């Protein structure tokens, strides 16, 4: 496991020479030994600024107003999730955070929505509280999903697959966007609570375009390190589903969110969890199964894997 998070350039992979593309692939594969990598991208600052402004307006509203966007029975797949609800798998205390969740809506007749209705529910968003937020969030989601799908092509080449290996897998997948507000630790219920305890994401990859303050930390062989990308770059980290598909060649990135002692005030971040369609069978690809690295994982559907994690983190039950 590396103790460094490297910085690569998605656009260089797409537009560079053969040698430049190979260098990006090598950098990504080296950095993902920690489960994390930074990348340059083409998501505009104007879009990020606009979405952050609307999210700040929502999170600044009253608890009663925020609760109007709660969507019971959707297991965190849309709407508002309040404080002290989600708990990291294996943790004793719930995370000190609140969230707004959203994804693109699917036609009612789509076979994925019929097969996995909880993953494709109608979206509940605070349009009355913040006019214009619904379309802004949908546009942001679609733009970031495009970047995630393109970044997965680097990973596909890195594991010896066709560049477009993940394209079909993620087509119409239940990719979830999440805005997270971590309140000031001065208001936490106890000194033992943290913003988000150590955990791995369930999905293929997660993208984090920006946060309003430090706090994200990555577990390495030498301990916890801060994840602070260069200005204008985003963080990409790996999840348990990618670890399964790559037979552990790419581990899931273990991380936590803790308040900076020098800046214990609130923090807001936006993340997007890229998921394969629920009927995808997750099993190690042949290129990652070798005599030195025999097959570690049995096949499981993406939906079954997701349901297990939703149970583990107290969002389904």
C-alpha atoms as a PDB file:
ATOM      1  CA  UNK A   1       0.000   0.000   0.000  1.00  0.00           C
ATOM      2  CA  UNK A   2       1.386   3.371  -0.979  1.00  0.00           C
ATOM      3  CA  UNK A   3       1.530   6.211   1.530  1.00  0.00           C
ATOM      4  CA  UNK A   4       1.105   8.832  -1.205  1.00  0.00           C
ATOM      5  CA  UNK A   5      -1.872   9.978  -3.231  1.00  0.00           C
ATOM      6  CA  UNK A   6      -0.675  10.773  -6.745  1.00  0.00           C
ATOM      7  CA  UNK A   7      -2.071  13.408  -9.085  1.00  0.00           C
ATOM      8  CA  UNK A   8      -2.977  12.463 -12.677  1.00  0.00           C
ATOM      9  CA  UNK A   9      -4.724  14.119 -15.607  1.00  0.00           C
ATOM     10  CA  UNK A  10      -7.857  12.552 -17.066  1.00  0.00           C
ATOM     11  CA  UNK A  11      -7.642  14.799 -20.116  1.00  0.00           C
ATOM     12  CA  UNK A  12      -4.054  13.720 -20.788  1.00  0.00           C
ATOM     13  CA  UNK A  13      -5.245  10.112 -20.935  1.00  0.00           C
ATOM     14  CA  UNK A  14      -7.953  11.072 -23.417  1.00  0.00           C
ATOM     15  CA  UNK A  15      -5.957  13.462 -25.588  1.00  0.00           C
ATOM     16  CA  UNK A  16      -2.284  12.565 -25.087  1.00  0.00           C
ATOM     17  CA  UNK A  17       0.200  10.430 -26.949  1.00  0.00           C
ATOM     18  CA  UNK A  18       0.516   6.701 -26.415  1.00  0.00           C
ATOM     19  CA  UNK A  19       3.307   7.322 -23.930  1.00  0.00           C
ATOM     20  CA  UNK A  20       1.328   9.972 -22.058  1.00  0.00           C
ATOM     21  CA  UNK A  21      -1.703   7.702 -21.809  1.00  0.00           C
ATOM     22  CA  UNK A  22       0.472   4.899 -20.442  1.00  0.00           C
ATOM     23  CA  UNK A  23       1.960   7.249 -17.850  1.00  0.00           C
ATOM     24  CA  UNK A  24      -1.528   8.225 -16.623  1.00  0.00           C
ATOM     25  CA  UNK A  25      -2.552   4.575 -16.343  1.00  0.00           C
ATOM     26  CA  UNK A  26       0.617   3.771 -14.410  1.00  0.00           C
ATOM     27  CA  UNK A  27       0.090   6.705 -12.061  1.00  0.00           C
ATOM     28  CA  UNK A  28      -3.520   5.719 -11.375  1.00  0.00           C
ATOM     29  CA  UNK A  29      -2.655   2.090 -10.673  1.00  0.00           C
ATOM     30  CA  UNK A  30       0.210   3.087  -8.376  1.00  0.00           C
ATOM     31  CA  UNK A  31      -1.899   5.586  -6.447  1.00  0.00           C
ATOM     32  CA  UNK A  32      -4.878   3.255  -6.117  1.00  0.00           C
ATOM     33  CA  UNK A  33      -2.823   0.969  -3.916  1.00  0.00           C
ATOM     34  CA  UNK A  34      -4.176   3.319  -1.253  1.00  0.00           C
ATOM     35  CA  UNK A  35      -7.592   3.402  -2.913  1.00  0.00           C
ATOM     36  CA  UNK A  36      -7.229   7.122  -3.682  1.00  0.00           C
ATOM     37  CA  UNK A  37      -5.986   9.319  -6.531  1.00  0.00           C
ATOM     38  CA  UNK A  38      -6.305  12.994  -7.528  1.00  0.00           C
ATOM     39  CA  UNK A  39      -7.162  14.024 -11.072  1.00  0.00           C
ATOM     40  CA  UNK A  40      -7.516  17.100 -13.207  1.00  0.00           C
ATOM     41  CA  UNK A  41     -10.931  17.282 -14.882  1.00  0.00           C
ATOM     42  CA  UNK A  42     -13.236  19.474 -16.950  1.00  0.00           C
ATOM     43  CA  UNK A  43     -16.076  20.043 -14.469  1.00  0.00           C
ATOM     44  CA  UNK A  44     -16.494  23.810 -14.345  1.00  0.00           C
ATOM     45  CA  UNK A  45     -15.956  25.862 -11.198  1.00  0.00           C
ATOM     46  CA  UNK A  46     -19.122  27.772 -12.063  1.00  0.00           C
ATOM     47  CA  UNK A  47     -21.245  24.632 -11.833  1.00  0.00           C
ATOM     48  CA  UNK A  48     -19.649  23.593  -8.545  1.00  0.00           C
ATOM     49  CA  UNK A  49     -20.070  27.094  -7.106  1.00  0.00           C
ATOM     50  CA  UNK A  50     -23.734  27.205  -8.109  1.00  0.00           C
ATOM     51  CA  UNK A  51     -24.510  23.833  -6.544  1.00  0.00           C
ATOM     52  CA  UNK A  52     -22.627  24.672  -3.349  1.00  0.00           C
ATOM     53  CA  UNK A  53     -24.544  27.929  -3.024  1.00  0.00           C
ATOM     54  CA  UNK A  54     -27.879  26.149  -3.280  1.00  0.00           C
ATOM     55  CA  UNK A  55     -26.808  23.397  -0.878  1.00  0.00           C
ATOM     56  CA  UNK A  56     -25.626  25.944   1.671  1.00  0.00           C
ATOM     57  CA  UNK A  57     -29.040  27.611   1.471  1.00  0.00           C
ATOM     58  CA  UNK A  58     -30.745  24.261   2.081  1.00  0.00           C
ATOM     59  CA  UNK A  59     -28.558  23.199   4.998  1.00  0.00           C
ATOM     60  CA  UNK A  60     -28.975  26.653   6.563  1.00  0.00           C
ATOM     61  CA  UNK A  61     -32.750  26.238   6.703  1.00  0.00           C
ATOM     62  CA  UNK A  62     -34.559  25.136   9.852  1.00  0.00           C
ATOM     63  CA  UNK A  63     -34.664  21.481  10.946  1.00  0.00           C
ATOM     64  CA  UNK A  64     -38.395  21.494  10.245  1.00  0.00           C
ATOM     65  CA  UNK A  65     -37.838  22.798   6.723  1.00  0.00           C
ATOM     66  CA  UNK A  66     -35.133  20.218   5.978  1.00  0.00           C
ATOM     67  CA  UNK A  67     -37.323  17.430   7.296  1.00  0.00           C
ATOM     68  CA  UNK A  68     -39.890  18.217   4.582  1.00  0.00           C
ATOM     69  CA  UNK A  69     -37.434  16.619   2.128  1.00  0.00           C
ATOM     70  CA  UNK A  70     -37.143  13.392   4.112  1.00  0.00           C
ATOM     71  CA  UNK A  71     -38.277  10.376   2.070  1.00  0.00           C
ATOM     72  CA  UNK A  72     -39.239   7.485   4.389  1.00  0.00           C
ATOM     73  CA  UNK A  73     -38.650   4.001   3.050  1.00  0.00           C
ATOM     74  CA  UNK A  74     -36.098   5.013   0.422  1.00  0.00           C
ATOM     75  CA  UNK A  75     -33.059   3.903   2.448  1.00  0.00           C
ATOM     76  CA  UNK A  76     -31.029   7.021   1.788  1.00  0.00           C
ATOM     77  CA  UNK A  77     -31.476   6.820  -1.984  1.00  0.00           C
ATOM     78  CA  UNK A  78     -33.107  10.241  -2.169  1.00  0.00           C
ATOM     79  CA  UNK A  79     -34.015  13.192   0.003  1.00  0.00           C
ATOM     80  CA  UNK A  80     -32.807  14.362   3.378  1.00  0.00           C
ATOM     81  CA  UNK A  81     -31.140  12.140   5.973  1.00  0.00           C
ATOM     82  CA  UNK A  82     -30.838  13.731   9.386  1.00  0.00           C
ATOM     83  CA  UNK A  83     -28.122  13.798  12.000  1.00  0.00           C
ATOM     84  CA  UNK A  84     -26.974  10.624  13.772  1.00  0.00           C
ATOM     85  CA  UNK A  85     -28.679   8.227  11.345  1.00  0.00           C
ATOM     86  CA  UNK A  86     -25.947   6.618   9.234  1.00  0.00           C
ATOM     87  CA  UNK A  87     -23.405   4.516  11.114  1.00  0.00           C
ATOM     88  CA  UNK A  88     -20.151   3.255   9.588  1.00  0.00           C
ATOM     89  CA  UNK A  89     -20.053  -0.548   9.402  1.00  0.00           C
ATOM     90  CA  UNK A  90     -18.574  -1.833  12.653  1.00  0.00           C
ATOM     91  CA  UNK A  91     -18.730   1.544  14.409  1.00  0.00           C
ATOM     92  CA  UNK A  92     -20.449   1.945  17.762  1.00  0.00           C
ATOM     93  CA  UNK A  93     -21.666   5.514  17.327  1.00  0.00           C
ATOM     94  CA  UNK A  94     -23.558   7.092  14.405  1.00  0.00           C
ATOM     95  CA  UNK A  95     -21.792   9.677  12.262  1.00  0.00           C
ATOM     96  CA  UNK A  96     -22.146  13.368  13.140  1.00  0.00           C
ATOM     97  CA  UNK A  97     -23.486  14.464   9.761  1.00  0.00           C
ATOM     98  CA  UNK A  98     -26.629  15.195   7.776  1.00  0.00           C
ATOM     99  CA  UNK A  99     -27.135  14.567   4.071  1.00  0.00           C
ATOM    100  CA  UNK A 100     -29.102  15.370   0.948  1.00  0.00           C
ATOM    101  CA  UNK A 101     -29.184  12.516  -1.562  1.00  0.00           C
ATOM    102  CA  UNK A 102     -30.228  12.437  -5.192  1.00  0.00           C
ATOM    103  CA  UNK A 103     -29.875  10.555  -8.474  1.00  0.00           C
ATOM    104  CA  UNK A 104     -31.310  10.800 -11.963  1.00  0.00           C
ATOM    105  CA  UNK A 105     -34.893   9.672 -12.306  1.00  0.00           C
ATOM    106  CA  UNK A 106     -35.743   6.598 -14.356  1.00  0.00           C
ATOM    107  CA  UNK A 107     -38.843   6.063 -16.515  1.00  0.00           C
ATOM    108  CA  UNK A 108     -41.441   4.028 -14.612  1.00  0.00           C
ATOM    109  CA  UNK A 109     -41.481   1.357 -17.312  1.00  0.00           C
ATOM    110  CA  UNK A 110     -37.706   0.802 -17.371  1.00  0.00           C
ATOM    111  CA  UNK A 111     -36.852  -2.830 -16.501  1.00  0.00           C
ATOM    112  CA  UNK A 112     -34.238  -1.727 -13.963  1.00  0.00           C
ATOM    113  CA  UNK A 113     -36.828   0.320 -12.080  1.00  0.00           C
ATOM    114  CA  UNK A 114     -39.252  -2.618 -12.102  1.00  0.00           C
ATOM    115  CA  UNK A 115     -36.557  -5.016 -10.894  1.00  0.00           C
ATOM    116  CA  UNK A 116     -35.012  -2.735  -8.245  1.00  0.00           C
ATOM    117  CA  UNK A 117     -37.667  -0.166  -7.277  1.00  0.00           C
ATOM    118  CA  UNK A 118     -35.862   1.057  -4.143  1.00  0.00           C
ATOM    119  CA  UNK A 119     -32.851   2.040  -6.275  1.00  0.00           C
ATOM    120  CA  UNK A 120     -34.902   4.101  -8.751  1.00  0.00           C
ATOM    121  CA  UNK A 121     -37.486   5.869  -6.612  1.00  0.00           C
ATOM    122  CA  UNK A 122     -39.000   9.226  -7.480  1.00  0.00           C
ATOM    123  CA  UNK A 123     -36.648  11.933  -6.261  1.00  0.00           C
ATOM    124  CA  UNK A 124     -37.546  14.062  -3.247  1.00  0.00           C
ATOM    125  CA  UNK A 125     -35.666  17.370  -3.349  1.00  0.00           C
ATOM    126  CA  UNK A 126     -36.172  20.749  -1.617  1.00  0.00           C
ATOM    127  CA  UNK A 127     -37.380  22.744  -4.627  1.00  0.00           C
ATOM    128  CA  UNK A 128     -39.806  24.785  -2.529  1.00  0.00           C
ATOM    129  CA  UNK A 129     -37.079  25.617  -0.027  1.00  0.00           C
ATOM    130  CA  UNK A 130     -34.446  26.463  -2.657  1.00  0.00           C
ATOM    131  CA  UNK A 131     -35.989  27.285  -6.052  1.00  0.00           C
ATOM    132  CA  UNK A 132     -33.897  25.896  -8.908  1.00  0.00           C
ATOM    133  CA  UNK A 133     -32.044  23.319  -6.826  1.00  0.00           C
ATOM    134  CA  UNK A 134     -33.640  20.300  -8.488  1.00  0.00           C
ATOM    135  CA  UNK A 135     -32.365  21.018 -12.005  1.00  0.00           C
ATOM    136  CA  UNK A 136     -28.986  22.204 -10.689  1.00  0.00           C
ATOM    137  CA  UNK A 137     -28.482  18.931  -8.819  1.00  0.00           C
ATOM    138  CA  UNK A 138     -29.571  16.808 -11.788  1.00  0.00           C
ATOM    139  CA  UNK A 139     -27.209  18.681 -14.127  1.00  0.00           C
ATOM    140  CA  UNK A 140     -24.335  18.295 -11.676  1.00  0.00           C
ATOM    141  CA  UNK A 141     -25.035  14.577 -11.305  1.00  0.00           C
ATOM    142  CA  UNK A 142     -25.045  13.956 -15.067  1.00  0.00           C
ATOM    143  CA  UNK A 143     -21.844  15.930 -15.592  1.00  0.00           C
ATOM    144  CA  UNK A 144     -19.984  14.145 -12.808  1.00  0.00           C
ATOM    145  CA  UNK A 145     -21.260  10.757 -13.968  1.00  0.00           C
ATOM    146  CA  UNK A 146     -19.706  11.437 -17.360  1.00  0.00           C
ATOM    147  CA  UNK A 147     -16.355  12.111 -15.692  1.00  0.00           C
ATOM    148  CA  UNK A 148     -16.584   8.967 -13.573  1.00  0.00           C
ATOM    149  CA  UNK A 149     -17.375   6.784 -16.573  1.00  0.00           C
ATOM    150  CA  UNK A 150     -14.399   8.277 -18.425  1.00  0.00           C
ATOM    151  CA  UNK A 151     -12.106   7.736 -15.443  1.00  0.00           C
ATOM    152  CA  UNK A 152     -13.160   4.093 -15.226  1.00  0.00           C
ATOM    153  CA  UNK A 153     -11.670   3.666 -18.706  1.00  0.00           C
ATOM    154  CA  UNK A 154      -8.237   4.388 -17.253  1.00  0.00           C
ATOM    155  CA  UNK A 155      -8.810   1.712 -14.627  1.00  0.00           C
ATOM    156  CA  UNK A 156     -10.073  -0.736 -17.257  1.00  0.00           C
ATOM    157  CA  UNK A 157      -6.829  -0.376 -19.219  1.00  0.00           C
ATOM    158  CA  UNK A 158      -4.848  -0.671 -15.993  1.00  0.00           C
ATOM    159  CA  UNK A 159      -6.332  -4.082 -15.176  1.00  0.00           C
ATOM    160  CA  UNK A 160      -5.821  -5.391 -18.701  1.00  0.00           C
ATOM    161  CA  UNK A 161      -9.391  -5.053 -19.962  1.00  0.00           C
ATOM    162  CA  UNK A 162     -10.841  -3.219 -22.932  1.00  0.00           C
ATOM    163  CA  UNK A 163     -11.023   0.523 -22.330  1.00  0.00           C
ATOM    164  CA  UNK A 164     -14.835   0.413 -22.400  1.00  0.00           C
ATOM    165  CA  UNK A 165     -15.185  -2.567 -20.049  1.00  0.00           C
ATOM    166  CA  UNK A 166     -17.155  -0.593 -17.433  1.00  0.00           C
ATOM    167  CA  UNK A 167     -19.351   1.351 -19.890  1.00  0.00           C
ATOM    168  CA  UNK A 168     -22.172  -1.176 -20.165  1.00  0.00           C
ATOM    169  CA  UNK A 169     -21.927  -2.073 -16.471  1.00  0.00           C
ATOM    170  CA  UNK A 170     -22.621   1.503 -15.393  1.00  0.00           C
ATOM    171  CA  UNK A 171     -25.206   2.362 -18.051  1.00  0.00           C
ATOM    172  CA  UNK A 172     -28.366   3.419 -16.181  1.00  0.00           C
ATOM    173  CA  UNK A 173     -26.795   2.303 -12.908  1.00  0.00           C
ATOM    174  CA  UNK A 174     -28.194   3.734  -9.635  1.00  0.00           C
ATOM    175  CA  UNK A 175     -25.309   6.178  -9.182  1.00  0.00           C
ATOM    176  CA  UNK A 176     -25.988   8.311  -6.113  1.00  0.00           C
ATOM    177  CA  UNK A 177     -24.963  11.900  -5.405  1.00  0.00           C
ATOM    178  CA  UNK A 178     -24.710  13.061  -1.820  1.00  0.00           C
ATOM    179  CA  UNK A 179     -24.184  16.448  -0.215  1.00  0.00           C
ATOM    180  CA  UNK A 180     -22.958  16.098   3.348  1.00  0.00           C
ATOM    181  CA  UNK A 181     -22.928  18.715   6.061  1.00  0.00           C
ATOM    182  CA  UNK A 182     -20.723  17.966   9.041  1.00  0.00           C
ATOM    183  CA  UNK A 183     -21.775  20.311  11.876  1.00  0.00           C
ATOM    184  CA  UNK A 184     -19.316  21.937  14.252  1.00  0.00           C
ATOM    185  CA  UNK A 185     -17.802  19.425  16.643  1.00  0.00           C
ATOM    186  CA  UNK A 186     -18.604  21.875  19.434  1.00  0.00           C
ATOM    187  CA  UNK A 187     -22.234  20.798  18.997  1.00  0.00           C
ATOM    188  CA  UNK A 188     -21.570  17.036  18.847  1.00  0.00           C
ATOM    189  CA  UNK A 189     -23.470  14.867  21.347  1.00  0.00           C
ATOM    190  CA  UNK A 190     -20.221  13.652  22.912  1.00  0.00           C
ATOM    191  CA  UNK A 191     -16.464  13.844  22.553  1.00  0.00           C
ATOM    192  CA  UNK A 192     -16.506  10.295  21.164  1.00  0.00           C
ATOM    193  CA  UNK A 193     -18.481  11.200  18.048  1.00  0.00           C
ATOM    194  CA  UNK A 194     -16.686  11.907  14.774  1.00  0.00           C
ATOM    195  CA  UNK A 195     -17.948  13.303  11.484  1.00  0.00           C
ATOM    196  CA  UNK A 196     -17.653   9.922   9.735  1.00  0.00           C
ATOM    197  CA  UNK A 197     -15.938   6.865  11.170  1.00  0.00           C
ATOM    198  CA  UNK A 198     -13.515   4.703   9.194  1.00  0.00           C
ATOM    199  CA  UNK A 199     -15.189   2.859   6.330  1.00  0.00           C
ATOM    200  CA  UNK A 200     -14.994   1.770   2.699  1.00  0.00           C
ATOM    201  CA  UNK A 201     -17.551   2.760   0.069  1.00  0.00           C
ATOM    202  CA  UNK A 202     -19.608  -0.021  -1.507  1.00  0.00           C
ATOM    203  CA  UNK A 203     -19.594   1.156  -5.142  1.00  0.00           C
ATOM    204  CA  UNK A 204     -17.047   1.094  -7.994  1.00  0.00           C
ATOM    205  CA  UNK A 205     -15.528   4.576  -7.618  1.00  0.00           C
ATOM    206  CA  UNK A 206     -16.455   7.731  -5.722  1.00  0.00           C
ATOM    207  CA  UNK A 207     -15.755  11.263  -6.957  1.00  0.00           C
ATOM    208  CA  UNK A 208     -15.286  14.225  -4.591  1.00  0.00           C
ATOM    209  CA  UNK A 209     -15.027  17.493  -6.527  1.00  0.00           C
ATOM    210  CA  UNK A 210     -14.519  19.824  -3.578  1.00  0.00           C
ATOM    211  CA  UNK A 211     -15.107  20.375   0.137  1.00  0.00           C
ATOM    212  CA  UNK A 212     -15.380  23.572   2.157  1.00  0.00           C
ATOM    213  CA  UNK A 213     -12.796  22.443   4.736  1.00  0.00           C
ATOM    214  CA  UNK A 214     -10.234  19.747   5.461  1.00  0.00           C
ATOM    215  CA  UNK A 215     -11.300  16.567   7.174  1.00  0.00           C
ATOM    216  CA  UNK A 216     -11.045  13.625   4.764  1.00  0.00           C
ATOM    217  CA  UNK A 217      -8.293  11.206   5.789  1.00  0.00           C
ATOM    218  CA  UNK A 218      -7.023   8.045   4.079  1.00  0.00           C
ATOM    219  CA  UNK A 219      -5.651   4.959   5.792  1.00  0.00           C
ATOM    220  CA  UNK A 220      -2.178   3.937   4.581  1.00  0.00           C
ATOM    221  CA  UNK A 221       0.485   1.515   5.785  1.00  0.00           C
ATOM    222  CA  UNK A 222       2.054   4.425   7.654  1.00  0.00           C
ATOM    223  CA  UNK A 223      -1.158   5.624   9.269  1.00  0.00           C
ATOM    224  CA  UNK A 224      -3.789   8.227   8.407  1.00  0.00           C
ATOM    225  CA  UNK A 225      -2.955  10.981   5.913  1.00  0.00           C
ATOM    226  CA  UNK A 226      -4.963  14.023   4.831  1.00  0.00           C
ATOM    227  CA  UNK A 227      -6.537  13.936   1.369  1.00  0.00           C
ATOM    228  CA  UNK A 228      -6.088  17.454   0.009  1.00  0.00           C
ATOM    229  CA  UNK A 229      -6.053  17.644  -3.818  1.00  0.00           C
ATOM    230  CA  UNK A 230      -4.520  20.557  -5.736  1.00  0.00           C
ATOM    231  CA  UNK A 231      -6.880  23.423  -6.514  1.00  0.00           C
ATOM    232  CA  UNK A 232      -9.170  22.588  -9.408  1.00  0.00           C
ATOM    233  CA  UNK A 233      -8.624  18.827  -9.069  1.00  0.00           C
ATOM    234  CA  UNK A 234     -10.957  16.202  -7.642  1.00  0.00           C
ATOM    235  CA  UNK A 235     -10.494  13.124  -5.487  1.00  0.00           C
ATOM    236  CA  UNK A 236     -11.377   9.681  -6.828  1.00  0.00           C
ATOM    237  CA  UNK A 237     -11.500   6.708  -4.489  1.00  0.00           C
ATOM    238  CA  UNK A 238     -12.314   3.047  -4.946  1.00  0.00           C
ATOM    239  CA  UNK A 239     -15.097   0.982  -3.419  1.00  0.00           C
ATOM    240  CA  UNK A 240     -15.786  -2.609  -2.443  1.00  0.00           C
ATOM    241  CA  UNK A 241     -17.387  -3.462  -5.777  1.00  0.00           C
ATOM    242  CA  UNK A 242     -14.242  -2.504  -7.689  1.00  0.00           C
ATOM    243  CA  UNK A 243     -12.145  -4.491  -5.227  1.00  0.00           C
ATOM    244  CA  UNK A 244     -14.304  -7.523  -5.998  1.00  0.00           C
ATOM    245  CA  UNK A 245     -14.146  -7.040  -9.789  1.00  0.00           C
ATOM    246  CA  UNK A 246     -10.347  -6.675  -9.676  1.00  0.00           C
ATOM    247  CA  UNK A 247      -9.871  -9.610  -7.296  1.00  0.00           C
ATOM    248  CA  UNK A 248      -8.265  -7.307  -4.752  1.00  0.00           C
ATOM    249  CA  UNK A 249      -5.717  -5.926  -7.236  1.00  0.00           C
ATOM    250  CA  UNK A 250      -7.280  -2.541  -6.488  1.00  0.00           C
ATOM    251  CA  UNK A 251      -8.313  -2.393  -2.825  1.00  0.00           C
ATOM    252  CA  UNK A 252     -11.197  -0.320  -1.557  1.00  0.00           C
ATOM    253  CA  UNK A 253      -9.992   2.947  -0.061  1.00  0.00           C
ATOM    254  CA  UNK A 254     -10.459   3.061   3.709  1.00  0.00           C
ATOM    255  CA  UNK A 255     -11.183   6.596   4.851  1.00  0.00           C
ATOM    256  CA  UNK A 256     -12.748   8.700   7.573  1.00  0.00           C
ATOM    257  CA  UNK A 257     -13.772  12.319   8.062  1.00  0.00           C
ATOM    258  CA  UNK A 258     -12.523  14.053  11.193  1.00  0.00           C
ATOM    259  CA  UNK A 259     -12.513  17.709  12.135  1.00  0.00           C
ATOM    260  CA  UNK A 260      -9.279  19.627  11.736  1.00  0.00           C
ATOM    261  CA  UNK A 261      -8.209  20.636  15.281  1.00  0.00           C
ATOM    262  CA  UNK A 262      -7.324  24.081  13.942  1.00  0.00           C
ATOM    263  CA  UNK A 263     -10.700  24.461  12.212  1.00  0.00           C
ATOM    264  CA  UNK A 264     -13.390  22.497  14.083  1.00  0.00           C
ATOM    265  CA  UNK A 265     -16.288  24.372  12.460  1.00  0.00           C
ATOM    266  CA  UNK A 266     -18.688  22.835   9.984  1.00  0.00           C
ATOM    267  CA  UNK A 267     -17.731  21.214   6.676  1.00  0.00           C
ATOM    268  CA  UNK A 268     -19.787  20.603   3.534  1.00  0.00           C
ATOM    269  CA  UNK A 269     -18.735  18.248   0.768  1.00  0.00           C
ATOM    270  CA  UNK A 270     -20.266  16.706  -2.341  1.00  0.00           C
ATOM    271  CA  UNK A 271     -19.577  13.132  -3.349  1.00  0.00           C
ATOM    272  CA  UNK A 272     -20.925  10.832  -6.047  1.00  0.00           C
ATOM    273  CA  UNK A 273     -20.977   7.046  -5.795  1.00  0.00           C
ATOM    274  CA  UNK A 274     -20.743   5.359  -9.201  1.00  0.00           C
ATOM    275  CA  UNK A 275     -22.745   2.111  -9.168  1.00  0.00           C
ATOM    276  CA  UNK A 276     -23.176  -0.668 -11.699  1.00  0.00           C
ATOM    277  CA  UNK A 277     -26.718  -1.650 -12.660  1.00  0.00           C
ATOM    278  CA  UNK A 278     -28.299  -3.914 -10.041  1.00  0.00           C
ATOM    279  CA  UNK A 279     -28.387  -6.973 -12.272  1.00  0.00           C
ATOM    280  CA  UNK A 280     -24.619  -6.827 -12.872  1.00  0.00           C
ATOM    281  CA  UNK A 281     -22.819  -9.937 -11.629  1.00  0.00           C
ATOM    282  CA  UNK A 282     -19.726  -8.814  -9.760  1.00  0.00           C
ATOM    283  CA  UNK A 283     -16.930 -11.338 -10.129  1.00  0.00           C
ATOM    284  CA  UNK A 284     -13.169 -11.086 -10.623  1.00  0.00           C
ATOM    285  CA  UNK A 285     -12.055 -10.481 -14.193  1.00  0.00           C
ATOM    286  CA  UNK A 286      -9.726 -13.092 -15.658  1.00  0.00           C
ATOM    287  CA  UNK A 287      -6.836 -10.640 -15.997  1.00  0.00           C
ATOM    288  CA  UNK A 288      -6.720 -10.231 -12.206  1.00  0.00           C
ATOM    289  CA  UNK A 289      -6.780 -13.942 -11.336  1.00  0.00           C
ATOM    290  CA  UNK A 290      -3.306 -15.474 -11.373  1.00  0.00           C
ATOM    291  CA  UNK A 291      -1.437 -18.273  -9.566  1.00  0.00           C
ATOM    292  CA  UNK A 292       0.040 -15.582  -7.308  1.00  0.00           C
ATOM    293  CA  UNK A 293      -3.395 -13.980  -6.782  1.00  0.00           C
ATOM    294  CA  UNK A 294      -5.992 -16.779  -6.887  1.00  0.00           C
ATOM    295  CA  UNK A 295      -9.670 -15.894  -7.044  1.00  0.00           C
ATOM    296  CA  UNK A 296     -10.738 -14.369  -3.723  1.00  0.00           C
ATOM    297  CA  UNK A 297     -14.397 -13.554  -4.328  1.00  0.00           C
ATOM    298  CA  UNK A 298     -17.459 -15.561  -5.336  1.00  0.00           C
ATOM    299  CA  UNK A 299     -19.924 -13.935  -7.740  1.00  0.00           C
ATOM    300  CA  UNK A 300     -22.628 -11.715  -6.247  1.00  0.00           C
ATOM    301  CA  UNK A 301     -25.115  -9.355  -7.821  1.00  0.00           C
ATOM    302  CA  UNK A 302     -24.526  -5.627  -7.459  1.00  0.00           C
ATOM    303  CA  UNK A 303     -27.983  -5.300  -5.907  1.00  0.00           C
ATOM    304  CA  UNK A 304     -27.294  -7.935  -3.239  1.00  0.00           C
ATOM    305  CA  UNK A 305     -23.981  -6.301  -2.379  1.00  0.00           C
ATOM    306  CA  UNK A 306     -25.650  -2.902  -2.021  1.00  0.00           C
ATOM    307  CA  UNK A 307     -28.487  -4.215   0.130  1.00  0.00           C
ATOM    308  CA  UNK A 308     -26.017  -5.817   2.537  1.00  0.00           C
ATOM    309  CA  UNK A 309     -24.134  -2.557   3.014  1.00  0.00           C
ATOM    310  CA  UNK A 310     -27.340  -0.524   3.464  1.00  0.00           C
ATOM    311  CA  UNK A 311     -28.209  -2.898   6.283  1.00  0.00           C
ATOM    312  CA  UNK A 312     -24.734  -2.673   7.795  1.00  0.00           C
ATOM    313  CA  UNK A 313     -24.767   1.129   7.931  1.00  0.00           C
ATOM    314  CA  UNK A 314     -28.267   1.366   9.408  1.00  0.00           C
ATOM    315  CA  UNK A 315     -30.005   2.794   6.326  1.00  0.00           C
ATOM    316  CA  UNK A 316     -32.085  -0.308   5.679  1.00  0.00           C
ATOM    317  CA  UNK A 317     -33.729  -2.246   8.421  1.00  0.00           C
END
